[in-house]
Amino acid sequence: MSAWDISQNASLDTTVLQIREHGSGIWILTMASPSTHNILSPLMMGALARAVDHLSSLGDQQVRVIILEAAGKSFSAGIDINMIRDEPNLESKMIRAIDPMYAVQESRVPVIACVRGAAFTGGFELALSCDIRLASEDTVFRDNHAMYGVHPTRGISQLLSRHCGPSNAKLASLASFPISATLALQWNIVSQVVKSPDDLMPAALQIAESVAHNSSLLVASLKNTIDVGRSLSYGEARKFELQREAQYYKAMDSEDLAETLKEGARRFDQRVAELGVGEIQLP
């Protein structure tokens, strides 16, 4: 069976990927191939893409946030270069349906990455594709495309510079420079660094629960507005924000809109009341 065939064989997905519901619309995907350092094999890539696409397609009451984690010592050692060596034209066949990076980027709901150990090349790209990234202190990000002689096709040449600037991105990619968790925080690659891999899931769940508690329709709209706006000038992005505002309100019927704004007003009053009873309570 070719790599192309394996990537489309959904019956094998559970051998490399675990899916579980935490509750409150929070779903957890666990890359479960620790013996390979969760290498992005054709099977793993297809399984991830299918899982994210499926969860994203469900209603907002069923799925509000996705957390992506990895079993074992590493987040992911990246795409199997042997796969490209054995089938040089494979990249041209990697259609959207089995591309986890695009699935994550286009997900209706936010995806939070819990990164531990190695996040190399394709694993680095997968993490960058997520909306929010957390890392444990043992994490090392590294882009080895130049080391392997394989041209990137999954966005790292564009995504990385948007987070850490062109100079740092070129250092990382041209020199295959290892980026520690501390440096990744300084470079705006991750939002938070925790001490141990065991601390990742509690930190991710705290964020996920805050997201799930908010308006799911507005969370989805904001995610899209931020993602699209990054590629626009500030003036164009402001216009796009206004367009999304109009689409957001138009998408709701009058009853839903009234209920949403009523709940928003209740939460506003609650927050204002808290300001008058001592110190401000941070979430």
Protein backbone atom coordinates (compact mmCIF):
# COMPACT_ATOMS: atom_id res chain seq x y z
CA MET A 1 0.00 0.00 0.00
CA SER A 2 1.46 3.38 -1.01
CA ALA A 3 1.81 6.36 1.31
CA TRP A 4 -0.99 8.00 -0.67
CA ASP A 5 -3.32 5.05 0.00
CA ILE A 6 -2.41 4.90 3.69
CA SER A 7 -3.11 8.60 4.21
CA GLN A 8 -6.69 8.12 3.03
CA ASN A 9 -7.40 4.94 5.03
CA ALA A 10 -9.65 6.19 7.84
CA SER A 11 -9.99 2.72 9.36
CA LEU A 12 -6.45 2.99 10.74
CA ASP A 13 -6.85 6.43 12.35
CA THR A 14 -7.28 5.13 15.90
CA THR A 15 -3.87 3.43 15.76
CA VAL A 16 -2.13 6.83 15.82
CA LEU A 17 -4.70 9.30 17.16
CA GLN A 18 -6.89 9.32 20.26
CA ILE A 19 -10.00 11.51 20.46
CA ARG A 20 -11.90 12.20 23.66
CA GLU A 21 -14.43 14.71 24.92
CA HIS A 22 -13.52 16.54 28.10
CA GLY A 23 -16.90 18.20 28.50
CA SER A 24 -18.38 21.67 27.92
CA GLY A 25 -17.62 21.42 24.22
CA ILE A 26 -13.89 20.80 24.77
CA TRP A 27 -12.34 17.97 22.74
CA ILE A 28 -8.82 16.59 23.09
CA LEU A 29 -6.80 15.08 20.26
CA THR A 30 -3.73 13.08 21.30
CA MET A 31 -1.10 12.09 18.76
CA ALA A 32 -0.41 8.56 19.98
CA SER A 33 2.72 7.29 18.27
CA PRO A 34 5.34 7.96 20.95
CA SER A 35 7.75 5.31 19.67
CA THR A 36 8.19 7.38 16.48
CA HIS A 37 8.14 10.72 18.32
CA ASN A 38 4.73 11.23 16.71
CA ILE A 39 6.24 11.52 13.27
CA LEU A 40 3.83 12.96 10.71
CA SER A 41 3.43 9.83 8.65
CA PRO A 42 0.79 9.74 5.91
CA LEU A 43 -1.47 7.91 8.36
CA MET A 44 -0.98 10.49 11.14
CA MET A 45 -1.53 13.40 8.76
CA GLY A 46 -4.73 11.94 7.36
CA ALA A 47 -6.03 11.03 10.81
CA LEU A 48 -5.39 14.52 12.18
CA ALA A 49 -6.98 16.26 9.20
CA ARG A 50 -10.07 14.05 9.33
CA ALA A 51 -10.49 14.49 13.09
CA VAL A 52 -10.17 18.28 13.01
CA ASP A 53 -12.46 18.60 9.98
CA HIS A 54 -15.07 16.37 11.63
CA LEU A 55 -15.04 18.21 14.96
CA SER A 56 -15.12 21.57 13.20
CA SER A 57 -18.18 20.49 11.22
CA LEU A 58 -20.23 19.77 14.36
CA GLY A 59 -22.51 22.33 15.99
CA ASP A 60 -21.17 24.95 18.37
CA GLN A 61 -22.96 23.31 21.31
CA GLN A 62 -21.04 20.09 20.67
CA VAL A 63 -17.59 21.49 19.90
CA ARG A 64 -16.25 24.83 21.12
CA VAL A 65 -12.50 24.22 21.52
CA ILE A 66 -9.98 21.59 20.40
CA ILE A 67 -6.81 20.82 22.35
CA LEU A 68 -3.98 19.08 20.48
CA GLU A 69 -1.43 17.19 22.57
CA ALA A 70 1.06 14.39 22.09
CA ALA A 71 1.89 11.20 23.95
CA GLY A 72 5.50 10.47 24.82
CA LYS A 73 8.55 12.73 24.91
CA SER A 74 7.93 14.74 21.73
CA PHE A 75 5.15 16.79 20.18
CA SER A 76 6.21 15.70 16.69
CA ALA A 77 9.49 15.04 14.90
CA GLY A 78 7.87 16.24 11.67
CA ILE A 79 7.01 14.74 8.30
CA ASP A 80 8.78 11.48 7.49
CA ILE A 81 11.48 12.44 4.98
CA ASN A 82 11.70 8.79 3.89
CA MET A 83 8.16 9.18 2.62
CA ILE A 84 9.27 11.98 0.30
CA ARG A 85 12.39 10.06 -0.72
CA ASP A 86 10.39 6.98 -1.65
CA GLU A 87 7.64 8.91 -3.41
CA PRO A 88 9.06 12.25 -4.63
CA ASN A 89 5.79 13.47 -6.12
CA LEU A 90 3.83 12.83 -2.94
CA GLU A 91 3.73 16.52 -2.00
CA SER A 92 1.74 17.31 -5.14
CA LYS A 93 -0.80 14.65 -4.13
CA MET A 94 -1.26 15.91 -0.55
CA ILE A 95 -4.68 17.37 -1.08
CA ARG A 96 -6.51 19.53 1.43
CA ALA A 97 -8.52 16.55 2.74
CA ILE A 98 -5.45 14.97 4.35
CA ASP A 99 -3.47 18.09 5.28
CA PRO A 100 -3.64 18.66 9.06
CA MET A 101 -2.03 22.11 8.91
CA TYR A 102 -4.77 23.46 6.66
CA ALA A 103 -7.44 21.62 8.66
CA VAL A 104 -6.25 23.33 11.84
CA GLN A 105 -5.90 26.73 10.19
CA GLU A 106 -9.40 26.53 8.73
CA SER A 107 -11.06 25.05 11.81
CA ARG A 108 -14.25 26.79 12.89
CA VAL A 109 -13.20 26.50 16.52
CA PRO A 110 -9.92 27.47 18.18
CA VAL A 111 -7.19 24.84 18.42
CA ILE A 112 -4.81 24.97 21.40
CA ALA A 113 -1.45 23.20 21.05
CA CYS A 114 0.26 21.59 24.06
CA VAL A 115 3.87 21.35 22.88
CA ARG A 116 6.46 19.22 24.64
CA GLY A 117 9.92 17.98 23.68
CA ALA A 118 10.72 18.10 19.98
CA ALA A 119 8.57 20.13 17.60
CA PHE A 120 10.66 19.76 14.48
CA THR A 121 9.95 20.93 10.93
CA GLY A 122 6.44 19.62 10.12
CA GLY A 123 5.77 19.38 13.85
CA PHE A 124 6.81 23.03 14.15
CA GLU A 125 4.46 23.87 11.26
CA LEU A 126 1.61 21.99 12.92
CA ALA A 127 2.12 23.92 16.16
CA LEU A 128 2.28 27.24 14.29
CA SER A 129 -1.01 26.39 12.58
CA CYS A 130 -2.77 26.26 15.95
CA ASP A 131 -4.45 29.35 17.38
CA ILE A 132 -2.83 29.26 20.81
CA ARG A 133 0.42 27.51 21.73
CA LEU A 134 1.61 26.43 25.15
CA ALA A 135 5.00 24.80 25.72
CA SER A 136 6.75 23.02 28.56
CA GLU A 137 10.29 23.98 29.49
CA ASP A 138 11.75 20.94 27.71
CA THR A 139 10.35 22.03 24.33
CA VAL A 140 12.63 22.71 21.37
CA PHE A 141 11.24 24.12 18.13
CA ARG A 142 13.40 23.57 15.06
CA ASP A 143 12.87 24.05 11.33
CA ASN A 144 15.08 21.51 9.54
CA HIS A 145 13.86 22.04 5.97
CA ALA A 146 17.20 23.52 4.90
CA MET A 147 19.08 20.72 6.68
CA TYR A 148 17.07 18.05 4.84
CA GLY A 149 17.01 19.82 1.47
CA VAL A 150 13.20 19.70 1.39
CA HIS A 151 11.30 22.85 0.45
CA PRO A 152 8.50 23.81 2.86
CA THR A 153 4.93 23.64 1.56
CA ARG A 154 2.87 23.89 4.74
CA GLY A 155 3.32 27.53 5.64
CA ILE A 156 6.31 27.83 7.96
CA SER A 157 8.13 30.26 5.64
CA GLN A 158 5.18 32.64 6.01
CA LEU A 159 3.79 31.85 9.46
CA LEU A 160 7.05 32.03 11.41
CA SER A 161 8.01 35.53 10.25
CA ARG A 162 4.55 36.79 11.20
CA HIS A 163 5.20 35.74 14.78
CA CYS A 164 8.85 36.55 15.35
CA GLY A 165 9.85 38.88 12.49
CA PRO A 166 11.93 38.18 9.36
CA SER A 167 15.35 38.25 11.05
CA ASN A 168 14.47 35.65 13.68
CA ALA A 169 12.55 33.58 11.13
CA LYS A 170 15.57 33.49 8.82
CA LEU A 171 17.85 32.55 11.72
CA ALA A 172 15.50 29.71 12.61
CA SER A 173 14.99 28.41 9.07
CA LEU A 174 18.24 29.13 7.23
CA ALA A 175 20.46 27.88 10.07
CA SER A 176 18.04 25.23 11.42
CA PHE A 177 18.50 27.09 14.69
CA PRO A 178 17.00 25.36 17.77
CA ILE A 179 14.50 27.54 19.64
CA SER A 180 14.08 26.80 23.34
CA ALA A 181 10.76 27.28 25.08
CA THR A 182 12.09 30.43 26.77
CA LEU A 183 13.24 31.88 23.46
CA ALA A 184 9.96 30.87 21.82
CA LEU A 185 8.13 32.93 24.45
CA GLN A 186 10.39 35.91 23.78
CA TRP A 187 9.83 35.53 20.03
CA ASN A 188 6.02 35.37 20.41
CA ILE A 189 5.89 31.80 19.10
CA VAL A 190 4.15 30.58 22.26
CA SER A 191 1.79 32.33 24.67
CA GLN A 192 2.83 30.53 27.84
CA VAL A 193 5.61 28.27 29.13
CA VAL A 194 4.94 25.80 31.94
CA LYS A 195 7.54 23.93 33.94
CA SER A 196 6.64 20.32 33.19
CA PRO A 197 4.82 18.49 30.38
CA ASP A 198 2.38 17.39 33.10
CA ASP A 199 1.43 21.05 33.56
CA LEU A 200 0.42 21.53 29.92
CA MET A 201 -3.05 20.03 29.98
CA PRO A 202 -4.22 21.85 33.14
CA ALA A 203 -3.05 25.14 31.62
CA ALA A 204 -4.71 24.36 28.29
CA LEU A 205 -7.97 23.34 29.95
CA GLN A 206 -8.07 26.58 31.91
CA ILE A 207 -7.85 28.54 28.65
CA ALA A 208 -10.25 26.20 26.84
CA GLU A 209 -12.86 26.53 29.59
CA SER A 210 -12.66 30.33 29.37
CA VAL A 211 -13.14 30.16 25.59
CA ALA A 212 -15.99 27.66 25.91
CA HIS A 213 -17.71 29.91 28.43
CA ASN A 214 -17.80 32.80 25.93
CA SER A 215 -20.18 33.29 22.99
CA SER A 216 -19.35 30.51 20.53
CA LEU A 217 -20.59 32.51 17.54
CA LEU A 218 -18.45 35.50 18.42
CA VAL A 219 -15.42 33.33 19.18
CA ALA A 220 -15.66 31.80 15.69
CA SER A 221 -16.13 35.22 14.09
CA LEU A 222 -13.21 36.74 16.02
CA LYS A 223 -10.93 33.84 15.11
CA ASN A 224 -11.69 34.35 11.42
CA THR A 225 -11.40 38.14 11.67
CA ILE A 226 -7.96 37.92 13.29
CA ASP A 227 -6.71 35.26 10.86
CA VAL A 228 -7.80 37.10 7.72
CA GLY A 229 -6.81 40.51 9.05
CA ARG A 230 -3.18 39.45 9.52
CA SER A 231 -2.66 39.43 5.76
CA LEU A 232 -4.28 42.84 5.20
CA SER A 233 -3.12 46.40 5.76
CA TYR A 234 -4.47 48.02 8.91
CA GLY A 235 -7.00 50.05 6.94
CA GLU A 236 -8.21 47.01 5.00
CA ALA A 237 -8.35 44.96 8.19
CA ARG A 238 -10.54 47.58 9.89
CA LYS A 239 -12.94 47.47 6.95
CA PHE A 240 -12.97 43.67 7.14
CA GLU A 241 -13.76 43.85 10.86
CA LEU A 242 -16.81 46.00 10.08
CA GLN A 243 -17.89 43.53 7.39
CA ARG A 244 -17.60 40.65 9.84
CA GLU A 245 -19.60 42.61 12.41
CA ALA A 246 -22.46 43.02 9.93
CA GLN A 247 -22.29 39.32 8.98
CA TYR A 248 -22.23 38.28 12.63
CA TYR A 249 -25.43 40.11 13.55
CA LYS A 250 -27.14 39.21 10.28
CA ALA A 251 -26.51 35.51 10.92
CA MET A 252 -28.65 35.55 14.07
CA ASP A 253 -32.42 35.81 14.12
CA SER A 254 -33.98 38.48 16.33
CA GLU A 255 -34.69 36.07 19.19
CA ASP A 256 -31.12 34.72 19.30
CA LEU A 257 -29.70 38.23 19.05
CA ALA A 258 -31.89 39.47 21.90
CA GLU A 259 -30.87 36.52 24.09
CA THR A 260 -27.18 36.96 23.25
CA LEU A 261 -27.22 40.67 24.09
CA LYS A 262 -29.24 40.03 27.26
CA GLU A 263 -26.61 37.55 28.45
CA GLY A 264 -23.86 39.97 27.46
CA ALA A 265 -25.47 42.74 29.50
CA ARG A 266 -25.77 40.40 32.50
CA ARG A 267 -22.08 39.55 32.34
CA PHE A 268 -21.18 43.22 31.91
CA ASP A 269 -23.15 44.17 35.03
CA GLN A 270 -21.49 41.33 36.92
CA ARG A 271 -18.00 42.50 35.94
CA VAL A 272 -18.75 46.12 36.82
CA ALA A 273 -20.15 45.06 40.19
CA GLU A 274 -16.93 43.19 40.93
CA LEU A 275 -14.96 46.41 40.48
CA GLY A 276 -16.74 47.91 43.46
CA VAL A 277 -16.06 45.16 45.99
CA GLY A 278 -12.31 45.21 46.36
CA GLU A 279 -9.54 44.15 44.03
CA ILE A 280 -10.30 43.25 40.43
CA GLN A 281 -10.58 39.48 40.04
CA LEU A 282 -8.55 38.29 37.10
CA PRO A 283 -9.77 35.12 35.34
